[in-house]
Amino acid sequence: MEPIIVFVSMFLMIFGISYLYLTTRNKERLALIERDKDVSIFMKTNSGKTPAIWKIILITLGMLSIGIGLGVLTGSLLTMAGMEEDMAFPSAVFLTAGTALLLSYFLIRKMDRESL
């Protein structure tokens, strides 16, 4: 019974926050339109100047997943080579995940420079 309450309350919280955000945004836009203000700020599109945020998130998550996978593989290889398991897995995962995040930063920076 208790897990159901947790999931229902989480769903209601997410729904409430998104509903409040969307209705407030709509009221704000309608108020600007009624006062004949410039509404061109709502028509902004990504004109190729910077990479879209979803591309950045996908690249970062993909590189992080690859880094974690390589870290687990490296940790198991280090364990088979004789290193203690308690030290091999965390160190290998953090090392390769950090390297993957660093590489994704440089990849995103390169994409940003090419789009200018």
PDB file of N, CA and C in Angstrom:
ATOM      1  N   MET A   1       0.820  -1.196   0.000  1.00  0.00           N
ATOM      2  CA  MET A   1       0.000   0.000   0.000  1.00  0.00           C
ATOM      3  C   MET A   1       0.865   1.263   0.000  1.00  0.00           C
ATOM      4  N   GLU A   2       1.958   1.263   0.777  1.00  0.00           N
ATOM      5  CA  GLU A   2       2.794   2.450   0.876  1.00  0.00           C
ATOM      6  C   GLU A   2       3.510   2.807  -0.425  1.00  0.00           C
ATOM      7  N   PRO A   3       4.037   1.832  -1.195  1.00  0.00           N
ATOM      8  CA  PRO A   3       4.666   2.217  -2.470  1.00  0.00           C
ATOM      9  C   PRO A   3       3.683   2.854  -3.443  1.00  0.00           C
ATOM     10  N   ILE A   4       2.433   2.436  -3.381  1.00  0.00           N
ATOM     11  CA  ILE A   4       1.434   3.026  -4.272  1.00  0.00           C
ATOM     12  C   ILE A   4       1.236   4.491  -3.933  1.00  0.00           C
ATOM     13  N   ILE A   5       1.212   4.800  -2.649  1.00  0.00           N
ATOM     14  CA  ILE A   5       1.036   6.187  -2.224  1.00  0.00           C
ATOM     15  C   ILE A   5       2.216   7.035  -2.692  1.00  0.00           C
ATOM     16  N   VAL A   6       3.410   6.487  -2.618  1.00  0.00           N
ATOM     17  CA  VAL A   6       4.600   7.223  -3.050  1.00  0.00           C
ATOM     18  C   VAL A   6       4.535   7.509  -4.544  1.00  0.00           C
ATOM     19  N   PHE A   7       4.184   6.509  -5.351  1.00  0.00           N
ATOM     20  CA  PHE A   7       4.130   6.714  -6.799  1.00  0.00           C
ATOM     21  C   PHE A   7       3.009   7.668  -7.194  1.00  0.00           C
ATOM     22  N   VAL A   8       1.881   7.572  -6.539  1.00  0.00           N
ATOM     23  CA  VAL A   8       0.773   8.481  -6.841  1.00  0.00           C
ATOM     24  C   VAL A   8       1.138   9.906  -6.455  1.00  0.00           C
ATOM     25  N   SER A   9       1.751  10.088  -5.301  1.00  0.00           N
ATOM     26  CA  SER A   9       2.136  11.437  -4.891  1.00  0.00           C
ATOM     27  C   SER A   9       3.225  12.010  -5.796  1.00  0.00           C
ATOM     28  N   MET A  10       4.160  11.165  -6.254  1.00  0.00           N
ATOM     29  CA  MET A  10       5.181  11.642  -7.202  1.00  0.00           C
ATOM     30  C   MET A  10       4.536  12.079  -8.508  1.00  0.00           C
ATOM     31  N   PHE A  11       3.593  11.277  -9.013  1.00  0.00           N
ATOM     32  CA  PHE A  11       2.900  11.628 -10.244  1.00  0.00           C
ATOM     33  C   PHE A  11       2.135  12.931 -10.076  1.00  0.00           C
ATOM     34  N   LEU A  12       1.420  13.077  -8.967  1.00  0.00           N
ATOM     35  CA  LEU A  12       0.658  14.302  -8.735  1.00  0.00           C
ATOM     36  C   LEU A  12       1.576  15.517  -8.609  1.00  0.00           C
ATOM     37  N   MET A  13       2.731  15.340  -7.992  1.00  0.00           N
ATOM     38  CA  MET A  13       3.665  16.444  -7.856  1.00  0.00           C
ATOM     39  C   MET A  13       4.199  16.879  -9.220  1.00  0.00           C
ATOM     40  N   ILE A  14       4.592  15.924 -10.036  1.00  0.00           N
ATOM     41  CA  ILE A  14       5.103  16.252 -11.377  1.00  0.00           C
ATOM     42  C   ILE A  14       4.007  16.892 -12.221  1.00  0.00           C
ATOM     43  N   PHE A  15       2.799  16.346 -12.149  1.00  0.00           N
ATOM     44  CA  PHE A  15       1.682  16.924 -12.898  1.00  0.00           C
ATOM     45  C   PHE A  15       1.389  18.340 -12.428  1.00  0.00           C
ATOM     46  N   GLY A  16       1.386  18.554 -11.113  1.00  0.00           N
ATOM     47  CA  GLY A  16       1.088  19.874 -10.579  1.00  0.00           C
ATOM     48  C   GLY A  16       2.119  20.916 -10.978  1.00  0.00           C
ATOM     49  N   ILE A  17       3.380  20.549 -10.915  1.00  0.00           N
ATOM     50  CA  ILE A  17       4.437  21.488 -11.292  1.00  0.00           C
ATOM     51  C   ILE A  17       4.355  21.830 -12.776  1.00  0.00           C
ATOM     52  N   SER A  18       4.172  20.824 -13.623  1.00  0.00           N
ATOM     53  CA  SER A  18       4.096  21.101 -15.061  1.00  0.00           C
ATOM     54  C   SER A  18       2.832  21.890 -15.407  1.00  0.00           C
ATOM     55  N   TYR A  19       1.709  21.596 -14.746  1.00  0.00           N
ATOM     56  CA  TYR A  19       0.478  22.341 -14.996  1.00  0.00           C
ATOM     57  C   TYR A  19       0.634  23.797 -14.590  1.00  0.00           C
ATOM     58  N   LEU A  20       1.218  24.031 -13.432  1.00  0.00           N
ATOM     59  CA  LEU A  20       1.434  25.395 -12.962  1.00  0.00           C
ATOM     60  C   LEU A  20       2.374  26.152 -13.898  1.00  0.00           C
ATOM     61  N   TYR A  21       3.425  25.504 -14.347  1.00  0.00           N
ATOM     62  CA  TYR A  21       4.376  26.141 -15.255  1.00  0.00           C
ATOM     63  C   TYR A  21       3.702  26.522 -16.573  1.00  0.00           C
ATOM     64  N   LEU A  22       2.953  25.589 -17.158  1.00  0.00           N
ATOM     65  CA  LEU A  22       2.328  25.854 -18.456  1.00  0.00           C
ATOM     66  C   LEU A  22       1.232  26.902 -18.370  1.00  0.00           C
ATOM     67  N   THR A  23       0.418  26.874 -17.337  1.00  0.00           N
ATOM     68  CA  THR A  23      -0.642  27.877 -17.231  1.00  0.00           C
ATOM     69  C   THR A  23      -0.072  29.262 -16.964  1.00  0.00           C
ATOM     70  N   THR A  24       0.962  29.348 -16.145  1.00  0.00           N
ATOM     71  CA  THR A  24       1.592  30.640 -15.876  1.00  0.00           C
ATOM     72  C   THR A  24       2.232  31.203 -17.135  1.00  0.00           C
ATOM     73  N   ARG A  25       2.893  30.344 -17.890  1.00  0.00           N
ATOM     74  CA  ARG A  25       3.515  30.788 -19.138  1.00  0.00           C
ATOM     75  C   ARG A  25       2.469  31.274 -20.127  1.00  0.00           C
ATOM     76  N   ASN A  26       1.353  30.565 -20.201  1.00  0.00           N
ATOM     77  CA  ASN A  26       0.286  30.957 -21.112  1.00  0.00           C
ATOM     78  C   ASN A  26      -0.303  32.309 -20.706  1.00  0.00           C
ATOM     79  N   LYS A  27      -0.563  32.509 -19.419  1.00  0.00           N
ATOM     80  CA  LYS A  27      -1.109  33.787 -18.947  1.00  0.00           C
ATOM     81  C   LYS A  27      -0.142  34.935 -19.222  1.00  0.00           C
ATOM     82  N   GLU A  28       1.126  34.678 -19.044  1.00  0.00           N
ATOM     83  CA  GLU A  28       2.138  35.705 -19.292  1.00  0.00           C
ATOM     84  C   GLU A  28       2.160  36.103 -20.770  1.00  0.00           C
ATOM     85  N   ARG A  29       2.091  35.124 -21.629  1.00  0.00           N
ATOM     86  CA  ARG A  29       2.093  35.410 -23.068  1.00  0.00           C
ATOM     87  C   ARG A  29       0.824  36.136 -23.491  1.00  0.00           C
ATOM     88  N   LEU A  30      -0.312  35.726 -22.960  1.00  0.00           N
ATOM     89  CA  LEU A  30      -1.567  36.405 -23.298  1.00  0.00           C
ATOM     90  C   LEU A  30      -1.553  37.849 -22.822  1.00  0.00           C
ATOM     91  N   ALA A  31      -0.968  38.094 -21.645  1.00  0.00           N
ATOM     92  CA  ALA A  31      -0.884  39.462 -21.141  1.00  0.00           C
ATOM     93  C   ALA A  31      -0.006  40.321 -22.046  1.00  0.00           C
ATOM     94  N   LEU A  32       1.072  39.780 -22.542  1.00  0.00           N
ATOM     95  CA  LEU A  32       1.930  40.536 -23.464  1.00  0.00           C
ATOM     96  C   LEU A  32       1.221  40.811 -24.783  1.00  0.00           C
ATOM     97  N   ILE A  33       0.472  39.837 -25.264  1.00  0.00           N
ATOM     98  CA  ILE A  33      -0.251  40.029 -26.526  1.00  0.00           C
ATOM     99  C   ILE A  33      -1.334  41.080 -26.353  1.00  0.00           C
ATOM    100  N   GLU A  34      -2.037  41.079 -25.221  1.00  0.00           N
ATOM    101  CA  GLU A  34      -3.093  42.062 -24.979  1.00  0.00           C
ATOM    102  C   GLU A  34      -2.545  43.477 -24.923  1.00  0.00           C
ATOM    103  N   ARG A  35      -1.338  43.645 -24.445  1.00  0.00           N
ATOM    104  CA  ARG A  35      -0.738  44.975 -24.326  1.00  0.00           C
ATOM    105  C   ARG A  35       0.057  45.366 -25.569  1.00  0.00           C
ATOM    106  N   ASP A  36      -0.039  44.583 -26.613  1.00  0.00           N
ATOM    107  CA  ASP A  36       0.676  44.834 -27.883  1.00  0.00           C
ATOM    108  C   ASP A  36       2.184  44.978 -27.683  1.00  0.00           C
ATOM    109  N   LYS A  37       2.724  44.144 -26.836  1.00  0.00           N
ATOM    110  CA  LYS A  37       4.171  44.125 -26.624  1.00  0.00           C
ATOM    111  C   LYS A  37       4.815  43.207 -27.655  1.00  0.00           C
ATOM    112  N   ASP A  38       6.133  43.272 -27.721  1.00  0.00           N
ATOM    113  CA  ASP A  38       6.875  42.441 -28.661  1.00  0.00           C
ATOM    114  C   ASP A  38       6.873  40.995 -28.179  1.00  0.00           C
ATOM    115  N   VAL A  39       6.295  40.114 -28.955  1.00  0.00           N
ATOM    116  CA  VAL A  39       6.230  38.698 -28.581  1.00  0.00           C
ATOM    117  C   VAL A  39       7.202  37.855 -29.410  1.00  0.00           C
ATOM    118  N   SER A  40       8.146  38.502 -30.051  1.00  0.00           N
ATOM    119  CA  SER A  40       9.097  37.755 -30.871  1.00  0.00           C
ATOM    120  C   SER A  40      10.050  36.919 -30.013  1.00  0.00           C
ATOM    121  N   ILE A  41      10.127  37.217 -28.732  1.00  0.00           N
ATOM    122  CA  ILE A  41      11.006  36.415 -27.864  1.00  0.00           C
ATOM    123  C   ILE A  41      10.484  34.998 -27.718  1.00  0.00           C
ATOM    124  N   PHE A  42       9.190  34.790 -27.953  1.00  0.00           N
ATOM    125  CA  PHE A  42       8.631  33.451 -27.867  1.00  0.00           C
ATOM    126  C   PHE A  42       8.811  32.666 -29.154  1.00  0.00           C
ATOM    127  N   MET A  43       9.225  33.316 -30.202  1.00  0.00           N
ATOM    128  CA  MET A  43       9.397  32.662 -31.495  1.00  0.00           C
ATOM    129  C   MET A  43      10.839  32.290 -31.771  1.00  0.00           C
ATOM    130  N   LYS A  44      11.695  32.309 -30.764  1.00  0.00           N
ATOM    131  CA  LYS A  44      13.102  31.985 -30.961  1.00  0.00           C
ATOM    132  C   LYS A  44      13.251  30.545 -31.408  1.00  0.00           C
ATOM    133  N   THR A  45      14.090  30.361 -32.389  1.00  0.00           N
ATOM    134  CA  THR A  45      14.424  29.011 -32.829  1.00  0.00           C
ATOM    135  C   THR A  45      15.930  28.874 -32.798  1.00  0.00           C
ATOM    136  N   ASN A  46      16.372  27.665 -32.749  1.00  0.00           N
ATOM    137  CA  ASN A  46      17.794  27.398 -32.762  1.00  0.00           C
ATOM    138  C   ASN A  46      18.263  27.490 -34.215  1.00  0.00           C
ATOM    139  N   SER A  47      18.870  28.599 -34.553  1.00  0.00           N
ATOM    140  CA  SER A  47      19.238  28.858 -35.938  1.00  0.00           C
ATOM    141  C   SER A  47      20.608  28.304 -36.298  1.00  0.00           C
ATOM    142  N   GLY A  48      21.071  27.332 -35.571  1.00  0.00           N
ATOM    143  CA  GLY A  48      22.344  26.709 -35.893  1.00  0.00           C
ATOM    144  C   GLY A  48      23.537  27.379 -35.244  1.00  0.00           C
ATOM    145  N   LYS A  49      23.304  28.374 -34.411  1.00  0.00           N
ATOM    146  CA  LYS A  49      24.422  29.058 -33.775  1.00  0.00           C
ATOM    147  C   LYS A  49      25.027  28.237 -32.648  1.00  0.00           C
ATOM    148  N   THR A  50      24.196  27.557 -31.893  1.00  0.00           N
ATOM    149  CA  THR A  50      24.689  26.709 -30.817  1.00  0.00           C
ATOM    150  C   THR A  50      24.004  25.356 -30.924  1.00  0.00           C
ATOM    151  N   PRO A  51      24.650  24.301 -30.448  1.00  0.00           N
ATOM    152  CA  PRO A  51      23.994  22.995 -30.488  1.00  0.00           C
ATOM    153  C   PRO A  51      22.779  22.972 -29.569  1.00  0.00           C
ATOM    154  N   ALA A  52      21.750  22.274 -29.980  1.00  0.00           N
ATOM    155  CA  ALA A  52      20.542  22.193 -29.179  1.00  0.00           C
ATOM    156  C   ALA A  52      20.840  21.501 -27.861  1.00  0.00           C
ATOM    157  N   ILE A  53      20.088  21.863 -26.846  1.00  0.00           N
ATOM    158  CA  ILE A  53      20.349  21.325 -25.508  1.00  0.00           C
ATOM    159  C   ILE A  53      20.150  19.816 -25.472  1.00  0.00           C
ATOM    160  N   TRP A  54      19.218  19.299 -26.264  1.00  0.00           N
ATOM    161  CA  TRP A  54      18.989  17.851 -26.247  1.00  0.00           C
ATOM    162  C   TRP A  54      20.170  17.111 -26.855  1.00  0.00           C
ATOM    163  N   LYS A  55      20.852  17.732 -27.802  1.00  0.00           N
ATOM    164  CA  LYS A  55      22.044  17.110 -28.367  1.00  0.00           C
ATOM    165  C   LYS A  55      23.153  17.042 -27.324  1.00  0.00           C
ATOM    166  N   ILE A  56      23.292  18.095 -26.552  1.00  0.00           N
ATOM    167  CA  ILE A  56      24.311  18.133 -25.511  1.00  0.00           C
ATOM    168  C   ILE A  56      24.033  17.070 -24.452  1.00  0.00           C
ATOM    169  N   ILE A  57      22.768  16.961 -24.050  1.00  0.00           N
ATOM    170  CA  ILE A  57      22.403  15.969 -23.035  1.00  0.00           C
ATOM    171  C   ILE A  57      22.633  14.560 -23.551  1.00  0.00           C
ATOM    172  N   LEU A  58      22.241  14.300 -24.802  1.00  0.00           N
ATOM    173  CA  LEU A  58      22.409  12.964 -25.361  1.00  0.00           C
ATOM    174  C   LEU A  58      23.877  12.591 -25.512  1.00  0.00           C
ATOM    175  N   ILE A  59      24.682  13.532 -25.962  1.00  0.00           N
ATOM    176  CA  ILE A  59      26.115  13.256 -26.107  1.00  0.00           C
ATOM    177  C   ILE A  59      26.737  12.981 -24.741  1.00  0.00           C
ATOM    178  N   THR A  60      26.396  13.791 -23.752  1.00  0.00           N
ATOM    179  CA  THR A  60      26.959  13.606 -22.418  1.00  0.00           C
ATOM    180  C   THR A  60      26.527  12.279 -21.814  1.00  0.00           C
ATOM    181  N   LEU A  61      25.239  11.951 -21.899  1.00  0.00           N
ATOM    182  CA  LEU A  61      24.765  10.686 -21.340  1.00  0.00           C
ATOM    183  C   LEU A  61      25.339   9.484 -22.090  1.00  0.00           C
ATOM    184  N   GLY A  62      25.459   9.594 -23.401  1.00  0.00           N
ATOM    185  CA  GLY A  62      26.042   8.503 -24.174  1.00  0.00           C
ATOM    186  C   GLY A  62      27.491   8.271 -23.829  1.00  0.00           C
ATOM    187  N   MET A  63      28.248   9.332 -23.734  1.00  0.00           N
ATOM    188  CA  MET A  63      29.658   9.189 -23.384  1.00  0.00           C
ATOM    189  C   MET A  63      29.818   8.674 -21.950  1.00  0.00           C
ATOM    190  N   LEU A  64      28.952   9.128 -21.039  1.00  0.00           N
ATOM    191  CA  LEU A  64      29.013   8.645 -19.667  1.00  0.00           C
ATOM    192  C   LEU A  64      28.689   7.158 -19.598  1.00  0.00           C
ATOM    193  N   SER A  65      27.700   6.710 -20.364  1.00  0.00           N
ATOM    194  CA  SER A  65      27.353   5.287 -20.387  1.00  0.00           C
ATOM    195  C   SER A  65      28.497   4.449 -20.943  1.00  0.00           C
ATOM    196  N   ILE A  66      29.119   4.929 -21.992  1.00  0.00           N
ATOM    197  CA  ILE A  66      30.273   4.228 -22.560  1.00  0.00           C
ATOM    198  C   ILE A  66      31.410   4.169 -21.529  1.00  0.00           C
ATOM    199  N   GLY A  67      31.640   5.274 -20.830  1.00  0.00           N
ATOM    200  CA  GLY A  67      32.691   5.303 -19.825  1.00  0.00           C
ATOM    201  C   GLY A  67      32.428   4.347 -18.676  1.00  0.00           C
ATOM    202  N   ILE A  68      31.179   4.269 -18.231  1.00  0.00           N
ATOM    203  CA  ILE A  68      30.849   3.349 -17.141  1.00  0.00           C
ATOM    204  C   ILE A  68      31.010   1.912 -17.608  1.00  0.00           C
ATOM    205  N   GLY A  69      30.571   1.613 -18.828  1.00  0.00           N
ATOM    206  CA  GLY A  69      30.737   0.260 -19.368  1.00  0.00           C
ATOM    207  C   GLY A  69      32.195  -0.129 -19.481  1.00  0.00           C
ATOM    208  N   LEU A  70      33.004   0.791 -19.987  1.00  0.00           N
ATOM    209  CA  LEU A  70      34.432   0.512 -20.076  1.00  0.00           C
ATOM    210  C   LEU A  70      35.060   0.383 -18.691  1.00  0.00           C
ATOM    211  N   GLY A  71      34.550   1.135 -17.720  1.00  0.00           N
ATOM    212  CA  GLY A  71      35.064   1.037 -16.357  1.00  0.00           C
ATOM    213  C   GLY A  71      34.768  -0.315 -15.731  1.00  0.00           C
ATOM    214  N   VAL A  72      33.564  -0.830 -15.969  1.00  0.00           N
ATOM    215  CA  VAL A  72      33.222  -2.160 -15.447  1.00  0.00           C
ATOM    216  C   VAL A  72      34.096  -3.218 -16.110  1.00  0.00           C
ATOM    217  N   LEU A  73      34.282  -3.084 -17.417  1.00  0.00           N
ATOM    218  CA  LEU A  73      35.142  -4.029 -18.132  1.00  0.00           C
ATOM    219  C   LEU A  73      36.579  -3.955 -17.617  1.00  0.00           C
ATOM    220  N   THR A  74      37.086  -2.754 -17.457  1.00  0.00           N
ATOM    221  CA  THR A  74      38.445  -2.583 -16.952  1.00  0.00           C
ATOM    222  C   THR A  74      38.573  -3.099 -15.526  1.00  0.00           C
ATOM    223  N   GLY A  75      37.555  -2.854 -14.707  1.00  0.00           N
ATOM    224  CA  GLY A  75      37.571  -3.353 -13.337  1.00  0.00           C
ATOM    225  C   GLY A  75      37.601  -4.863 -13.270  1.00  0.00           C
ATOM    226  N   SER A  76      36.838  -5.520 -14.152  1.00  0.00           N
ATOM    227  CA  SER A  76      36.873  -6.985 -14.148  1.00  0.00           C
ATOM    228  C   SER A  76      38.212  -7.500 -14.650  1.00  0.00           C
ATOM    229  N   LEU A  77      38.814  -6.821 -15.615  1.00  0.00           N
ATOM    230  CA  LEU A  77      40.140  -7.225 -16.089  1.00  0.00           C
ATOM    231  C   LEU A  77      41.189  -7.035 -14.998  1.00  0.00           C
ATOM    232  N   LEU A  78      41.085  -5.939 -14.240  1.00  0.00           N
ATOM    233  CA  LEU A  78      42.024  -5.715 -13.146  1.00  0.00           C
ATOM    234  C   LEU A  78      41.833  -6.742 -12.036  1.00  0.00           C
ATOM    235  N   THR A  79      40.586  -7.142 -11.793  1.00  0.00           N
ATOM    236  CA  THR A  79      40.323  -8.167 -10.787  1.00  0.00           C
ATOM    237  C   THR A  79      40.917  -9.498 -11.214  1.00  0.00           C
ATOM    238  N   MET A  80      40.787  -9.830 -12.495  1.00  0.00           N
ATOM    239  CA  MET A  80      41.364 -11.086 -12.980  1.00  0.00           C
ATOM    240  C   MET A  80      42.880 -11.040 -12.972  1.00  0.00           C
ATOM    241  N   ALA A  81      43.454  -9.826 -13.054  1.00  0.00           N
ATOM    242  CA  ALA A  81      44.905  -9.698 -13.032  1.00  0.00           C
ATOM    243  C   ALA A  81      45.470  -9.762 -11.614  1.00  0.00           C
ATOM    244  N   GLY A  82      44.586  -9.769 -10.608  1.00  0.00           N
ATOM    245  CA  GLY A  82      45.069  -9.939  -9.252  1.00  0.00           C
ATOM    246  C   GLY A  82      44.807  -8.766  -8.332  1.00  0.00           C
ATOM    247  N   MET A  83      44.224  -7.697  -8.810  1.00  0.00           N
ATOM    248  CA  MET A  83      43.931  -6.553  -7.958  1.00  0.00           C
ATOM    249  C   MET A  83      42.680  -6.848  -7.125  1.00  0.00           C
ATOM    250  N   GLU A  84      42.594  -6.244  -5.941  1.00  0.00           N
ATOM    251  CA  GLU A  84      41.431  -6.464  -5.095  1.00  0.00           C
ATOM    252  C   GLU A  84      40.174  -5.890  -5.757  1.00  0.00           C
ATOM    253  N   GLU A  85      39.063  -6.622  -5.630  1.00  0.00           N
ATOM    254  CA  GLU A  85      37.811  -6.217  -6.276  1.00  0.00           C
ATOM    255  C   GLU A  85      37.269  -4.916  -5.689  1.00  0.00           C
ATOM    256  N   ASP A  86      37.462  -4.720  -4.386  1.00  0.00           N
ATOM    257  CA  ASP A  86      36.964  -3.512  -3.733  1.00  0.00           C
ATOM    258  C   ASP A  86      37.653  -2.252  -4.236  1.00  0.00           C
ATOM    259  N   MET A  87      38.829  -2.411  -4.771  1.00  0.00           N
ATOM    260  CA  MET A  87      39.565  -1.262  -5.271  1.00  0.00           C
ATOM    261  C   MET A  87      39.497  -1.163  -6.792  1.00  0.00           C
ATOM    262  N   ALA A  88      39.422  -2.283  -7.463  1.00  0.00           N
ATOM    263  CA  ALA A  88      39.490  -2.294  -8.919  1.00  0.00           C
ATOM    264  C   ALA A  88      38.248  -1.674  -9.558  1.00  0.00           C
ATOM    265  N   PHE A  89      37.076  -2.097  -9.128  1.00  0.00           N
ATOM    266  CA  PHE A  89      35.853  -1.637  -9.787  1.00  0.00           C
ATOM    267  C   PHE A  89      35.587  -0.139  -9.600  1.00  0.00           C
ATOM    268  N   PRO A  90      35.556   0.379  -8.365  1.00  0.00           N
ATOM    269  CA  PRO A  90      35.269   1.816  -8.243  1.00  0.00           C
ATOM    270  C   PRO A  90      36.299   2.703  -8.917  1.00  0.00           C
ATOM    271  N   SER A  91      37.564   2.349  -8.780  1.00  0.00           N
ATOM    272  CA  SER A  91      38.589   3.198  -9.386  1.00  0.00           C
ATOM    273  C   SER A  91      38.499   3.181 -10.907  1.00  0.00           C
ATOM    274  N   ALA A  92      38.266   2.013 -11.482  1.00  0.00           N
ATOM    275  CA  ALA A  92      38.171   1.929 -12.937  1.00  0.00           C
ATOM    276  C   ALA A  92      36.926   2.638 -13.456  1.00  0.00           C
ATOM    277  N   VAL A  93      35.805   2.473 -12.762  1.00  0.00           N
ATOM    278  CA  VAL A  93      34.566   3.122 -13.213  1.00  0.00           C
ATOM    279  C   VAL A  93      34.689   4.637 -13.123  1.00  0.00           C
ATOM    280  N   PHE A  94      35.178   5.148 -12.001  1.00  0.00           N
ATOM    281  CA  PHE A  94      35.300   6.602 -11.865  1.00  0.00           C
ATOM    282  C   PHE A  94      36.325   7.181 -12.830  1.00  0.00           C
ATOM    283  N   LEU A  95      37.404   6.478 -13.048  1.00  0.00           N
ATOM    284  CA  LEU A  95      38.433   6.959 -13.961  1.00  0.00           C
ATOM    285  C   LEU A  95      37.909   7.032 -15.393  1.00  0.00           C
ATOM    286  N   THR A  96      37.270   5.968 -15.857  1.00  0.00           N
ATOM    287  CA  THR A  96      36.787   5.973 -17.241  1.00  0.00           C
ATOM    288  C   THR A  96      35.552   6.856 -17.414  1.00  0.00           C
ATOM    289  N   ALA A  97      34.685   6.928 -16.409  1.00  0.00           N
ATOM    290  CA  ALA A  97      33.524   7.815 -16.511  1.00  0.00           C
ATOM    291  C   ALA A  97      33.968   9.276 -16.537  1.00  0.00           C
ATOM    292  N   GLY A  98      34.944   9.629 -15.726  1.00  0.00           N
ATOM    293  CA  GLY A  98      35.472  10.996 -15.745  1.00  0.00           C
ATOM    294  C   GLY A  98      36.146  11.330 -17.066  1.00  0.00           C
ATOM    295  N   THR A  99      36.878  10.377 -17.612  1.00  0.00           N
ATOM    296  CA  THR A  99      37.503  10.584 -18.919  1.00  0.00           C
ATOM    297  C   THR A  99      36.442  10.758 -20.005  1.00  0.00           C
ATOM    298  N   ALA A 100      35.372   9.974 -19.922  1.00  0.00           N
ATOM    299  CA  ALA A 100      34.294  10.091 -20.912  1.00  0.00           C
ATOM    300  C   ALA A 100      33.611  11.447 -20.808  1.00  0.00           C
ATOM    301  N   LEU A 101      33.385  11.936 -19.590  1.00  0.00           N
ATOM    302  CA  LEU A 101      32.777  13.259 -19.432  1.00  0.00           C
ATOM    303  C   LEU A 101      33.692  14.364 -19.942  1.00  0.00           C
ATOM    304  N   LEU A 102      34.979  14.213 -19.734  1.00  0.00           N
ATOM    305  CA  LEU A 102      35.938  15.182 -20.252  1.00  0.00           C
ATOM    306  C   LEU A 102      35.941  15.176 -21.783  1.00  0.00           C
ATOM    307  N   LEU A 103      35.897  13.994 -22.378  1.00  0.00           N
ATOM    308  CA  LEU A 103      35.838  13.896 -23.831  1.00  0.00           C
ATOM    309  C   LEU A 103      34.535  14.481 -24.383  1.00  0.00           C
ATOM    310  N   SER A 104      33.427  14.269 -23.676  1.00  0.00           N
ATOM    311  CA  SER A 104      32.171  14.844 -24.154  1.00  0.00           C
ATOM    312  C   SER A 104      32.208  16.365 -24.071  1.00  0.00           C
ATOM    313  N   TYR A 105      32.886  16.911 -23.056  1.00  0.00           N
ATOM    314  CA  TYR A 105      33.034  18.362 -22.973  1.00  0.00           C
ATOM    315  C   TYR A 105      33.788  18.908 -24.178  1.00  0.00           C
ATOM    316  N   PHE A 106      34.893  18.260 -24.530  1.00  0.00           N
ATOM    317  CA  PHE A 106      35.662  18.727 -25.681  1.00  0.00           C
ATOM    318  C   PHE A 106      34.889  18.534 -26.987  1.00  0.00           C
ATOM    319  N   LEU A 107      34.116  17.475 -27.098  1.00  0.00           N
ATOM    320  CA  LEU A 107      33.304  17.245 -28.291  1.00  0.00           C
ATOM    321  C   LEU A 107      32.221  18.312 -28.425  1.00  0.00           C
ATOM    322  N   ILE A 108      31.568  18.648 -27.340  1.00  0.00           N
ATOM    323  CA  ILE A 108      30.528  19.680 -27.372  1.00  0.00           C
ATOM    324  C   ILE A 108      31.139  21.045 -27.665  1.00  0.00           C
ATOM    325  N   ARG A 109      32.313  21.320 -27.085  1.00  0.00           N
ATOM    326  CA  ARG A 109      32.994  22.587 -27.366  1.00  0.00           C
ATOM    327  C   ARG A 109      33.373  22.693 -28.834  1.00  0.00           C
ATOM    328  N   LYS A 110      33.817  21.585 -29.426  1.00  0.00           N
ATOM    329  CA  LYS A 110      34.154  21.560 -30.843  1.00  0.00           C
ATOM    330  C   LYS A 110      32.906  21.795 -31.697  1.00  0.00           C
ATOM    331  N   MET A 111      31.790  21.170 -31.309  1.00  0.00           N
ATOM    332  CA  MET A 111      30.535  21.384 -32.042  1.00  0.00           C
ATOM    333  C   MET A 111      30.095  22.839 -31.946  1.00  0.00           C
ATOM    334  N   ASP A 112      30.291  23.441 -30.791  1.00  0.00           N
ATOM    335  CA  ASP A 112      29.905  24.830 -30.585  1.00  0.00           C
ATOM    336  C   ASP A 112      30.764  25.765 -31.440  1.00  0.00           C
ATOM    337  N   ARG A 113      32.050  25.497 -31.531  1.00  0.00           N
ATOM    338  CA  ARG A 113      32.941  26.332 -32.363  1.00  0.00           C
ATOM    339  C   ARG A 113      32.616  26.196 -33.852  1.00  0.00           C
ATOM    340  N   GLU A 114      32.278  24.988 -34.284  1.00  0.00           N
ATOM    341  CA  GLU A 114      31.965  24.778 -35.702  1.00  0.00           C
ATOM    342  C   GLU A 114      30.666  25.445 -36.114  1.00  0.00           C
ATOM    343  N   SER A 115      29.741  25.618 -35.155  1.00  0.00           N
ATOM    344  CA  SER A 115      28.461  26.214 -35.503  1.00  0.00           C
ATOM    345  C   SER A 115      28.534  27.727 -35.579  1.00  0.00           C
ATOM    346  N   LEU A 116      29.618  28.342 -35.096  1.00  0.00           N
ATOM    347  CA  LEU A 116      29.741  29.807 -35.156  1.00  0.00           C
ATOM    348  C   LEU A 116      30.164  30.295 -36.474  1.00  0.00           C
TER     349      LEU A 116
END
